[in-house]
Amino acid sequence: MRAPLRAAGWMLLAAGSFVAMGVLAKTLGQRLHPLEVAFARAVFGLLTVAPLVLREGPRLWVTPHWRLHLWRGLLGTTAMASAFYAVARLPLAEATAYGYTRPLFLVVLAAWFLGERLGPTRLAATLAGFAGVLVMLRPTVSGLAPGAAVALFGAACAAGVGVLLRRIAQRDRPAVMLAWLGALGTLLLAGPAALVWRAPTAAELALMGAMGLAGTLTQIAFLRAYRLAEASALAPLDYVRLPLAVAVGWALFGEWPDAAALLGALVVVGAGLLLVVRENAAAARTSR
């Protein structure tokens, strides 16, 4: 099988395992607090890199860029906890759609912190995307839909992680990045999770383990895909998560997004795809 087809297969696997992780987090969130669920995910994430930590020893933690890793750990952990809260409080498809605002926030943050040019296409796509968010939010006098504000906050934090990764990836090895993220996530969530802790049942522990495996599989599949093809070519396949989340949410939880949620999600996805096409075209021009 040719590399582009293998890359597409890995990307689709990543999308499916990501939705599976969301389903497991939503199921656990019916009884357990989202902070406890996020802590469980962090613990299993740390366990997956434990052999690497033991093999490389103390040198894995020595880096001159530790401040960047601290910020990435803080923002990444906050983004994960926010996403799990949103999944527990919102329909699965709607929580997934809010996650697609990350590229919109990333454009703004990259222009602000990295000095990247905010051209007319980027600006138009970003404004259109946030207009779609307003449609999804359905703001009323009584406020926003439960979990919506948290979902957007988490997407903004995830965009901040994306900005940091552009710097860290050029300076440190992936092993260092994985170890720091796993350790910081576990440490940061241990205290908050203890405040809302409920002893999980045997079935819930099994679901937590499955959630950890799904999260690890998502990371592995993403890495495999991006080794075989360019990110700009793979990005559109990531949007398969939305129709998959709609179908799974309806089948397992009896959720069906209303007209406003569907319309807003389509606008957000369209804006994200426009940004992908624009970045792809810009990269092609630069390589000539």
C-alpha atoms as a PDB file:
ATOM      1  CA  MET A   1       0.000   0.000   0.000  1.00  0.00           C
ATOM      2  CA  ARG A   2       1.344   3.427  -0.941  1.00  0.00           C
ATOM      3  CA  ALA A   3       2.357   5.887   1.776  1.00  0.00           C
ATOM      4  CA  PRO A   4      -0.542   8.353   1.201  1.00  0.00           C
ATOM      5  CA  LEU A   5      -3.106   5.564   1.585  1.00  0.00           C
ATOM      6  CA  ARG A   6      -1.400   4.271   4.726  1.00  0.00           C
ATOM      7  CA  ALA A   7      -1.329   7.786   6.116  1.00  0.00           C
ATOM      8  CA  ALA A   8      -5.046   8.193   5.434  1.00  0.00           C
ATOM      9  CA  GLY A   9      -5.725   4.898   7.182  1.00  0.00           C
ATOM     10  CA  TRP A  10      -3.771   5.962  10.261  1.00  0.00           C
ATOM     11  CA  MET A  11      -5.567   9.318  10.297  1.00  0.00           C
ATOM     12  CA  LEU A  12      -8.975   7.666  10.140  1.00  0.00           C
ATOM     13  CA  LEU A  13      -7.922   5.325  12.937  1.00  0.00           C
ATOM     14  CA  ALA A  14      -6.888   8.345  14.996  1.00  0.00           C
ATOM     15  CA  ALA A  15     -10.284   9.956  14.407  1.00  0.00           C
ATOM     16  CA  GLY A  16     -12.114   6.791  15.431  1.00  0.00           C
ATOM     17  CA  SER A  17     -10.055   6.218  18.573  1.00  0.00           C
ATOM     18  CA  PHE A  18     -10.458   9.877  19.545  1.00  0.00           C
ATOM     19  CA  VAL A  19     -14.237   9.565  19.362  1.00  0.00           C
ATOM     20  CA  ALA A  20     -14.007   6.296  21.311  1.00  0.00           C
ATOM     21  CA  MET A  21     -12.088   8.125  24.032  1.00  0.00           C
ATOM     22  CA  GLY A  22     -14.826  10.761  24.108  1.00  0.00           C
ATOM     23  CA  VAL A  23     -17.513   8.091  24.431  1.00  0.00           C
ATOM     24  CA  LEU A  24     -15.684   6.469  27.342  1.00  0.00           C
ATOM     25  CA  ALA A  25     -15.120   9.847  29.028  1.00  0.00           C
ATOM     26  CA  LYS A  26     -18.813  10.707  28.611  1.00  0.00           C
ATOM     27  CA  THR A  27     -19.860   7.329  30.013  1.00  0.00           C
ATOM     28  CA  LEU A  28     -17.574   7.718  33.031  1.00  0.00           C
ATOM     29  CA  GLY A  29     -18.752  11.317  33.467  1.00  0.00           C
ATOM     30  CA  GLN A  30     -22.308  10.157  34.123  1.00  0.00           C
ATOM     31  CA  ARG A  31     -21.284   9.302  37.711  1.00  0.00           C
ATOM     32  CA  LEU A  32     -17.709  10.481  38.191  1.00  0.00           C
ATOM     33  CA  HIS A  33     -16.584  14.101  38.105  1.00  0.00           C
ATOM     34  CA  PRO A  34     -14.834  15.136  34.866  1.00  0.00           C
ATOM     35  CA  LEU A  35     -11.725  16.110  36.855  1.00  0.00           C
ATOM     36  CA  GLU A  36     -11.449  12.551  38.147  1.00  0.00           C
ATOM     37  CA  VAL A  37     -11.905  11.222  34.620  1.00  0.00           C
ATOM     38  CA  ALA A  38      -9.224  13.589  33.296  1.00  0.00           C
ATOM     39  CA  PHE A  39      -6.869  12.498  36.087  1.00  0.00           C
ATOM     40  CA  ALA A  40      -7.394   8.863  35.120  1.00  0.00           C
ATOM     41  CA  ARG A  41      -6.538   9.728  31.523  1.00  0.00           C
ATOM     42  CA  ALA A  42      -3.367  11.506  32.653  1.00  0.00           C
ATOM     43  CA  VAL A  43      -2.299   8.578  34.817  1.00  0.00           C
ATOM     44  CA  PHE A  44      -2.718   6.068  32.018  1.00  0.00           C
ATOM     45  CA  GLY A  45      -0.933   8.461  29.674  1.00  0.00           C
ATOM     46  CA  LEU A  46       2.005   8.563  32.071  1.00  0.00           C
ATOM     47  CA  LEU A  47       2.013   4.771  32.334  1.00  0.00           C
ATOM     48  CA  THR A  48       2.410   4.489  28.569  1.00  0.00           C
ATOM     49  CA  VAL A  49       5.695   6.439  28.695  1.00  0.00           C
ATOM     50  CA  ALA A  50       6.921   4.809  31.938  1.00  0.00           C
ATOM     51  CA  PRO A  51       9.208   2.320  30.098  1.00  0.00           C
ATOM     52  CA  LEU A  52      10.770   5.249  28.236  1.00  0.00           C
ATOM     53  CA  VAL A  53      11.310   7.167  31.480  1.00  0.00           C
ATOM     54  CA  LEU A  54      12.922   4.163  33.172  1.00  0.00           C
ATOM     55  CA  ARG A  55      15.184   3.478  30.197  1.00  0.00           C
ATOM     56  CA  GLU A  56      16.487   7.026  29.723  1.00  0.00           C
ATOM     57  CA  GLY A  57      16.618   8.000  33.386  1.00  0.00           C
ATOM     58  CA  PRO A  58      17.181  11.525  34.761  1.00  0.00           C
ATOM     59  CA  ARG A  59      18.513  12.942  31.487  1.00  0.00           C
ATOM     60  CA  LEU A  60      14.954  12.855  30.116  1.00  0.00           C
ATOM     61  CA  TRP A  61      14.026  15.682  32.482  1.00  0.00           C
ATOM     62  CA  VAL A  62      17.032  17.888  31.733  1.00  0.00           C
ATOM     63  CA  THR A  63      16.172  20.555  29.186  1.00  0.00           C
ATOM     64  CA  PRO A  64      17.003  24.259  28.873  1.00  0.00           C
ATOM     65  CA  HIS A  65      13.449  24.827  27.659  1.00  0.00           C
ATOM     66  CA  TRP A  66      11.715  23.710  30.846  1.00  0.00           C
ATOM     67  CA  ARG A  67       9.632  26.893  31.029  1.00  0.00           C
ATOM     68  CA  LEU A  68       8.039  26.082  27.663  1.00  0.00           C
ATOM     69  CA  HIS A  69       7.301  22.555  28.864  1.00  0.00           C
ATOM     70  CA  LEU A  70       5.697  23.906  32.040  1.00  0.00           C
ATOM     71  CA  TRP A  71       3.400  26.174  30.039  1.00  0.00           C
ATOM     72  CA  ARG A  72       2.597  23.390  27.616  1.00  0.00           C
ATOM     73  CA  GLY A  73       1.785  21.040  30.483  1.00  0.00           C
ATOM     74  CA  LEU A  74      -0.438  23.616  32.167  1.00  0.00           C
ATOM     75  CA  LEU A  75      -2.323  24.535  28.992  1.00  0.00           C
ATOM     76  CA  GLY A  76      -2.535  20.949  27.733  1.00  0.00           C
ATOM     77  CA  THR A  77      -3.878  19.649  31.038  1.00  0.00           C
ATOM     78  CA  THR A  78      -6.415  22.474  31.223  1.00  0.00           C
ATOM     79  CA  ALA A  79      -7.515  21.764  27.649  1.00  0.00           C
ATOM     80  CA  MET A  80      -7.991  18.056  28.409  1.00  0.00           C
ATOM     81  CA  ALA A  81      -9.952  18.676  31.610  1.00  0.00           C
ATOM     82  CA  SER A  82     -12.121  21.252  29.828  1.00  0.00           C
ATOM     83  CA  ALA A  83     -12.809  18.856  26.958  1.00  0.00           C
ATOM     84  CA  PHE A  84     -13.840  16.087  29.354  1.00  0.00           C
ATOM     85  CA  TYR A  85     -16.132  18.496  31.201  1.00  0.00           C
ATOM     86  CA  ALA A  86     -17.710  19.560  27.901  1.00  0.00           C
ATOM     87  CA  VAL A  87     -18.197  15.948  26.791  1.00  0.00           C
ATOM     88  CA  ALA A  88     -19.949  15.156  30.081  1.00  0.00           C
ATOM     89  CA  ARG A  89     -22.249  18.202  29.892  1.00  0.00           C
ATOM     90  CA  LEU A  90     -22.930  18.551  26.152  1.00  0.00           C
ATOM     91  CA  PRO A  91     -24.043  16.223  23.351  1.00  0.00           C
ATOM     92  CA  LEU A  92     -21.009  14.390  21.984  1.00  0.00           C
ATOM     93  CA  ALA A  93     -21.279  15.953  18.517  1.00  0.00           C
ATOM     94  CA  GLU A  94     -21.571  19.480  19.918  1.00  0.00           C
ATOM     95  CA  ALA A  95     -18.572  19.035  22.206  1.00  0.00           C
ATOM     96  CA  THR A  96     -16.603  17.697  19.219  1.00  0.00           C
ATOM     97  CA  ALA A  97     -17.612  20.675  17.082  1.00  0.00           C
ATOM     98  CA  TYR A  98     -16.431  23.158  19.703  1.00  0.00           C
ATOM     99  CA  GLY A  99     -13.069  21.405  19.585  1.00  0.00           C
ATOM    100  CA  TYR A 100     -12.782  22.413  15.934  1.00  0.00           C
ATOM    101  CA  THR A 101     -12.489  26.071  16.987  1.00  0.00           C
ATOM    102  CA  ARG A 102      -8.873  25.323  17.887  1.00  0.00           C
ATOM    103  CA  PRO A 103      -7.527  26.329  14.424  1.00  0.00           C
ATOM    104  CA  LEU A 104      -9.424  29.627  14.723  1.00  0.00           C
ATOM    105  CA  PHE A 105      -7.831  30.425  18.064  1.00  0.00           C
ATOM    106  CA  LEU A 106      -4.485  29.217  16.715  1.00  0.00           C
ATOM    107  CA  VAL A 107      -4.578  31.774  13.892  1.00  0.00           C
ATOM    108  CA  VAL A 108      -5.178  34.592  16.388  1.00  0.00           C
ATOM    109  CA  LEU A 109      -2.509  33.401  18.833  1.00  0.00           C
ATOM    110  CA  ALA A 110       0.056  32.779  16.094  1.00  0.00           C
ATOM    111  CA  ALA A 111      -0.470  36.317  14.800  1.00  0.00           C
ATOM    112  CA  TRP A 112      -0.188  37.721  18.314  1.00  0.00           C
ATOM    113  CA  PHE A 113       2.743  35.743  19.756  1.00  0.00           C
ATOM    114  CA  LEU A 114       4.631  34.533  16.682  1.00  0.00           C
ATOM    115  CA  GLY A 115       4.078  37.560  14.467  1.00  0.00           C
ATOM    116  CA  GLU A 116       2.498  35.493  11.671  1.00  0.00           C
ATOM    117  CA  ARG A 117       0.685  37.550   9.066  1.00  0.00           C
ATOM    118  CA  LEU A 118      -3.124  37.619   9.358  1.00  0.00           C
ATOM    119  CA  GLY A 119      -4.056  37.954   5.662  1.00  0.00           C
ATOM    120  CA  PRO A 120      -7.538  38.492   4.227  1.00  0.00           C
ATOM    121  CA  THR A 121      -8.292  34.778   3.742  1.00  0.00           C
ATOM    122  CA  ARG A 122      -7.208  33.905   7.274  1.00  0.00           C
ATOM    123  CA  LEU A 123      -9.166  36.831   8.682  1.00  0.00           C
ATOM    124  CA  ALA A 124     -12.338  35.987   6.728  1.00  0.00           C
ATOM    125  CA  ALA A 125     -12.189  32.296   7.683  1.00  0.00           C
ATOM    126  CA  THR A 126     -11.573  33.140  11.334  1.00  0.00           C
ATOM    127  CA  LEU A 127     -14.452  35.619  11.504  1.00  0.00           C
ATOM    128  CA  ALA A 128     -16.781  33.170   9.744  1.00  0.00           C
ATOM    129  CA  GLY A 129     -15.745  30.410  12.144  1.00  0.00           C
ATOM    130  CA  PHE A 130     -16.480  32.508  15.203  1.00  0.00           C
ATOM    131  CA  ALA A 131     -19.832  33.490  13.673  1.00  0.00           C
ATOM    132  CA  GLY A 132     -20.592  29.762  13.518  1.00  0.00           C
ATOM    133  CA  VAL A 133     -19.626  29.509  17.183  1.00  0.00           C
ATOM    134  CA  LEU A 134     -22.170  32.197  18.057  1.00  0.00           C
ATOM    135  CA  VAL A 135     -24.852  30.208  16.257  1.00  0.00           C
ATOM    136  CA  MET A 136     -23.898  27.092  18.218  1.00  0.00           C
ATOM    137  CA  LEU A 137     -23.777  28.942  21.534  1.00  0.00           C
ATOM    138  CA  ARG A 138     -27.398  30.129  21.215  1.00  0.00           C
ATOM    139  CA  PRO A 139     -26.824  32.883  23.795  1.00  0.00           C
ATOM    140  CA  THR A 140     -29.907  33.868  25.778  1.00  0.00           C
ATOM    141  CA  VAL A 141     -30.695  36.217  28.632  1.00  0.00           C
ATOM    142  CA  SER A 142     -30.097  33.350  31.068  1.00  0.00           C
ATOM    143  CA  GLY A 143     -26.616  32.684  29.664  1.00  0.00           C
ATOM    144  CA  LEU A 144     -24.855  30.053  27.566  1.00  0.00           C
ATOM    145  CA  ALA A 145     -25.576  26.361  27.206  1.00  0.00           C
ATOM    146  CA  PRO A 146     -23.964  24.336  30.027  1.00  0.00           C
ATOM    147  CA  GLY A 147     -20.423  23.363  29.150  1.00  0.00           C
ATOM    148  CA  ALA A 148     -20.182  25.564  26.050  1.00  0.00           C
ATOM    149  CA  ALA A 149     -18.014  28.248  27.623  1.00  0.00           C
ATOM    150  CA  VAL A 150     -15.739  25.593  29.120  1.00  0.00           C
ATOM    151  CA  ALA A 151     -15.466  23.869  25.728  1.00  0.00           C
ATOM    152  CA  LEU A 152     -14.365  27.114  24.062  1.00  0.00           C
ATOM    153  CA  PHE A 153     -11.908  27.845  26.852  1.00  0.00           C
ATOM    154  CA  GLY A 154     -10.427  24.389  26.382  1.00  0.00           C
ATOM    155  CA  ALA A 155     -10.112  24.924  22.623  1.00  0.00           C
ATOM    156  CA  ALA A 156      -8.282  28.205  23.243  1.00  0.00           C
ATOM    157  CA  CYS A 157      -5.887  26.419  25.622  1.00  0.00           C
ATOM    158  CA  ALA A 158      -5.337  23.703  22.998  1.00  0.00           C
ATOM    159  CA  ALA A 159      -4.480  26.427  20.482  1.00  0.00           C
ATOM    160  CA  GLY A 160      -1.941  27.770  22.966  1.00  0.00           C
ATOM    161  CA  VAL A 161      -0.415  24.298  23.097  1.00  0.00           C
ATOM    162  CA  GLY A 162      -0.170  24.376  19.307  1.00  0.00           C
ATOM    163  CA  VAL A 163       1.762  27.645  19.415  1.00  0.00           C
ATOM    164  CA  LEU A 164       4.154  26.261  22.040  1.00  0.00           C
ATOM    165  CA  LEU A 165       4.657  23.034  20.093  1.00  0.00           C
ATOM    166  CA  ARG A 166       5.908  25.002  17.112  1.00  0.00           C
ATOM    167  CA  ARG A 167       8.778  26.147  19.326  1.00  0.00           C
ATOM    168  CA  ILE A 168       9.347  23.048  21.464  1.00  0.00           C
ATOM    169  CA  ALA A 169       9.340  20.588  18.540  1.00  0.00           C
ATOM    170  CA  GLN A 170      12.330  22.378  17.040  1.00  0.00           C
ATOM    171  CA  ARG A 171      14.328  22.222  20.282  1.00  0.00           C
ATOM    172  CA  ASP A 172      13.544  18.971  22.150  1.00  0.00           C
ATOM    173  CA  ARG A 173      13.064  15.302  21.328  1.00  0.00           C
ATOM    174  CA  PRO A 174       9.539  13.760  21.283  1.00  0.00           C
ATOM    175  CA  ALA A 175      10.515  11.565  24.242  1.00  0.00           C
ATOM    176  CA  VAL A 176      11.163  14.634  26.395  1.00  0.00           C
ATOM    177  CA  MET A 177       7.865  16.176  25.316  1.00  0.00           C
ATOM    178  CA  LEU A 178       5.848  13.041  26.148  1.00  0.00           C
ATOM    179  CA  ALA A 179       7.491  12.554  29.543  1.00  0.00           C
ATOM    180  CA  TRP A 180       7.015  16.151  30.656  1.00  0.00           C
ATOM    181  CA  LEU A 181       3.389  16.233  29.520  1.00  0.00           C
ATOM    182  CA  GLY A 182       2.498  12.957  31.233  1.00  0.00           C
ATOM    183  CA  ALA A 183       4.161  13.881  34.518  1.00  0.00           C
ATOM    184  CA  LEU A 184       2.792  17.422  34.647  1.00  0.00           C
ATOM    185  CA  GLY A 185      -0.737  16.301  33.750  1.00  0.00           C
ATOM    186  CA  THR A 186      -0.746  13.766  36.563  1.00  0.00           C
ATOM    187  CA  LEU A 187       0.658  16.214  39.108  1.00  0.00           C
ATOM    188  CA  LEU A 188      -1.638  19.092  38.157  1.00  0.00           C
ATOM    189  CA  LEU A 189      -4.800  16.999  38.243  1.00  0.00           C
ATOM    190  CA  ALA A 190      -4.046  14.961  41.377  1.00  0.00           C
ATOM    191  CA  GLY A 191      -5.142  17.674  43.830  1.00  0.00           C
ATOM    192  CA  PRO A 192      -8.359  18.766  42.045  1.00  0.00           C
ATOM    193  CA  ALA A 193      -9.337  15.130  41.438  1.00  0.00           C
ATOM    194  CA  ALA A 194      -8.858  14.315  45.138  1.00  0.00           C
ATOM    195  CA  LEU A 195     -11.401  17.019  46.059  1.00  0.00           C
ATOM    196  CA  VAL A 196     -14.150  15.403  43.964  1.00  0.00           C
ATOM    197  CA  TRP A 197     -13.006  11.785  44.206  1.00  0.00           C
ATOM    198  CA  ARG A 198     -15.474   8.925  44.084  1.00  0.00           C
ATOM    199  CA  ALA A 199     -14.158   5.392  44.346  1.00  0.00           C
ATOM    200  CA  PRO A 200     -14.546   3.899  40.862  1.00  0.00           C
ATOM    201  CA  THR A 201     -16.208   0.529  40.490  1.00  0.00           C
ATOM    202  CA  ALA A 202     -14.456  -2.397  38.822  1.00  0.00           C
ATOM    203  CA  ALA A 203     -16.366  -1.664  35.608  1.00  0.00           C
ATOM    204  CA  GLU A 204     -15.338   2.002  35.727  1.00  0.00           C
ATOM    205  CA  LEU A 205     -11.708   1.048  36.261  1.00  0.00           C
ATOM    206  CA  ALA A 206     -11.946  -1.120  33.155  1.00  0.00           C
ATOM    207  CA  LEU A 207     -13.432   1.812  31.226  1.00  0.00           C
ATOM    208  CA  MET A 208     -10.619   4.061  32.474  1.00  0.00           C
ATOM    209  CA  GLY A 209      -8.079   1.567  31.196  1.00  0.00           C
ATOM    210  CA  ALA A 210      -9.845   1.409  27.835  1.00  0.00           C
ATOM    211  CA  MET A 211      -9.930   5.217  27.727  1.00  0.00           C
ATOM    212  CA  GLY A 212      -6.194   5.336  28.360  1.00  0.00           C
ATOM    213  CA  LEU A 213      -5.587   2.832  25.575  1.00  0.00           C
ATOM    214  CA  ALA A 214      -7.816   4.813  23.192  1.00  0.00           C
ATOM    215  CA  GLY A 215      -5.921   8.000  23.996  1.00  0.00           C
ATOM    216  CA  THR A 216      -2.575   6.299  23.456  1.00  0.00           C
ATOM    217  CA  LEU A 217      -3.773   4.773  20.188  1.00  0.00           C
ATOM    218  CA  THR A 218      -4.904   8.218  19.037  1.00  0.00           C
ATOM    219  CA  GLN A 219      -1.432   9.652  19.658  1.00  0.00           C
ATOM    220  CA  ILE A 220       0.320   6.743  17.945  1.00  0.00           C
ATOM    221  CA  ALA A 221      -1.986   6.907  14.912  1.00  0.00           C
ATOM    222  CA  PHE A 222      -1.479  10.666  14.565  1.00  0.00           C
ATOM    223  CA  LEU A 223       2.303  10.268  14.709  1.00  0.00           C
ATOM    224  CA  ARG A 224       2.261   7.437  12.164  1.00  0.00           C
ATOM    225  CA  ALA A 225       0.072   9.438   9.804  1.00  0.00           C
ATOM    226  CA  TYR A 226       2.217  12.570   9.990  1.00  0.00           C
ATOM    227  CA  ARG A 227       5.362  10.547   9.305  1.00  0.00           C
ATOM    228  CA  LEU A 228       3.869   9.342   6.021  1.00  0.00           C
ATOM    229  CA  ALA A 229       2.210  12.502   4.692  1.00  0.00           C
ATOM    230  CA  GLU A 230       2.153  16.260   5.161  1.00  0.00           C
ATOM    231  CA  ALA A 231      -0.078  17.739   7.830  1.00  0.00           C
ATOM    232  CA  SER A 232      -1.888  19.966   5.329  1.00  0.00           C
ATOM    233  CA  ALA A 233      -2.914  16.914   3.288  1.00  0.00           C
ATOM    234  CA  LEU A 234      -4.126  14.973   6.332  1.00  0.00           C
ATOM    235  CA  ALA A 235      -5.997  17.754   8.139  1.00  0.00           C
ATOM    236  CA  PRO A 236      -9.277  17.391   6.190  1.00  0.00           C
ATOM    237  CA  LEU A 237      -9.515  13.732   7.256  1.00  0.00           C
ATOM    238  CA  ASP A 238      -9.527  14.849  10.890  1.00  0.00           C
ATOM    239  CA  TYR A 239     -12.979  16.347  10.285  1.00  0.00           C
ATOM    240  CA  VAL A 240     -14.376  12.828   9.956  1.00  0.00           C
ATOM    241  CA  ARG A 241     -14.646  13.004  13.746  1.00  0.00           C
ATOM    242  CA  LEU A 242     -17.731  15.235  13.535  1.00  0.00           C
ATOM    243  CA  PRO A 243     -20.112  12.991  11.531  1.00  0.00           C
ATOM    244  CA  LEU A 244     -18.758  10.030  13.482  1.00  0.00           C
ATOM    245  CA  ALA A 245     -19.533  11.798  16.762  1.00  0.00           C
ATOM    246  CA  VAL A 246     -23.045  12.639  15.507  1.00  0.00           C
ATOM    247  CA  ALA A 247     -23.706   8.988  14.627  1.00  0.00           C
ATOM    248  CA  VAL A 248     -22.236   7.572  17.832  1.00  0.00           C
ATOM    249  CA  GLY A 249     -23.958  10.171  20.006  1.00  0.00           C
ATOM    250  CA  TRP A 250     -27.312   9.285  18.452  1.00  0.00           C
ATOM    251  CA  ALA A 251     -26.745   5.517  18.644  1.00  0.00           C
ATOM    252  CA  LEU A 252     -25.387   5.312  22.198  1.00  0.00           C
ATOM    253  CA  PHE A 253     -26.835   8.321  24.014  1.00  0.00           C
ATOM    254  CA  GLY A 254     -29.935   9.190  22.000  1.00  0.00           C
ATOM    255  CA  GLU A 255     -28.493  12.636  21.190  1.00  0.00           C
ATOM    256  CA  TRP A 256     -29.302  14.471  17.986  1.00  0.00           C
ATOM    257  CA  PRO A 257     -28.012  18.032  17.477  1.00  0.00           C
ATOM    258  CA  ASP A 258     -30.668  20.672  16.871  1.00  0.00           C
ATOM    259  CA  ALA A 259     -30.696  22.890  13.779  1.00  0.00           C
ATOM    260  CA  ALA A 260     -28.626  25.663  15.391  1.00  0.00           C
ATOM    261  CA  ALA A 261     -25.939  23.230  16.548  1.00  0.00           C
ATOM    262  CA  LEU A 262     -25.715  21.566  13.123  1.00  0.00           C
ATOM    263  CA  LEU A 263     -25.622  24.872  11.230  1.00  0.00           C
ATOM    264  CA  GLY A 264     -22.999  26.368  13.535  1.00  0.00           C
ATOM    265  CA  ALA A 265     -20.884  23.204  13.398  1.00  0.00           C
ATOM    266  CA  LEU A 266     -20.954  23.198   9.594  1.00  0.00           C
ATOM    267  CA  VAL A 267     -19.818  26.836   9.527  1.00  0.00           C
ATOM    268  CA  VAL A 268     -16.995  26.124  11.994  1.00  0.00           C
ATOM    269  CA  VAL A 269     -15.869  23.068  10.012  1.00  0.00           C
ATOM    270  CA  GLY A 270     -16.071  24.990   6.737  1.00  0.00           C
ATOM    271  CA  ALA A 271     -13.940  27.789   8.168  1.00  0.00           C
ATOM    272  CA  GLY A 272     -11.401  25.264   9.435  1.00  0.00           C
ATOM    273  CA  LEU A 273     -11.202  23.545   6.062  1.00  0.00           C
ATOM    274  CA  LEU A 274     -10.750  26.920   4.350  1.00  0.00           C
ATOM    275  CA  LEU A 275      -7.782  27.598   6.637  1.00  0.00           C
ATOM    276  CA  VAL A 276      -6.351  24.174   5.773  1.00  0.00           C
ATOM    277  CA  VAL A 277      -6.666  24.821   2.018  1.00  0.00           C
ATOM    278  CA  ARG A 278      -5.128  28.260   2.430  1.00  0.00           C
ATOM    279  CA  GLU A 279      -2.142  26.907   4.421  1.00  0.00           C
ATOM    280  CA  ASN A 280      -1.661  24.116   1.878  1.00  0.00           C
ATOM    281  CA  ALA A 281      -1.596  26.582  -1.003  1.00  0.00           C
ATOM    282  CA  ALA A 282       0.821  28.857   0.848  1.00  0.00           C
ATOM    283  CA  ALA A 283       3.145  25.935   1.592  1.00  0.00           C
ATOM    284  CA  ALA A 284       3.068  24.887  -2.076  1.00  0.00           C
ATOM    285  CA  ARG A 285       4.027  28.403  -3.194  1.00  0.00           C
ATOM    286  CA  THR A 286       6.869  28.536  -0.684  1.00  0.00           C
ATOM    287  CA  SER A 287       8.343  25.205  -1.829  1.00  0.00           C
ATOM    288  CA  ARG A 288       8.562  26.283  -5.462  1.00  0.00           C
END
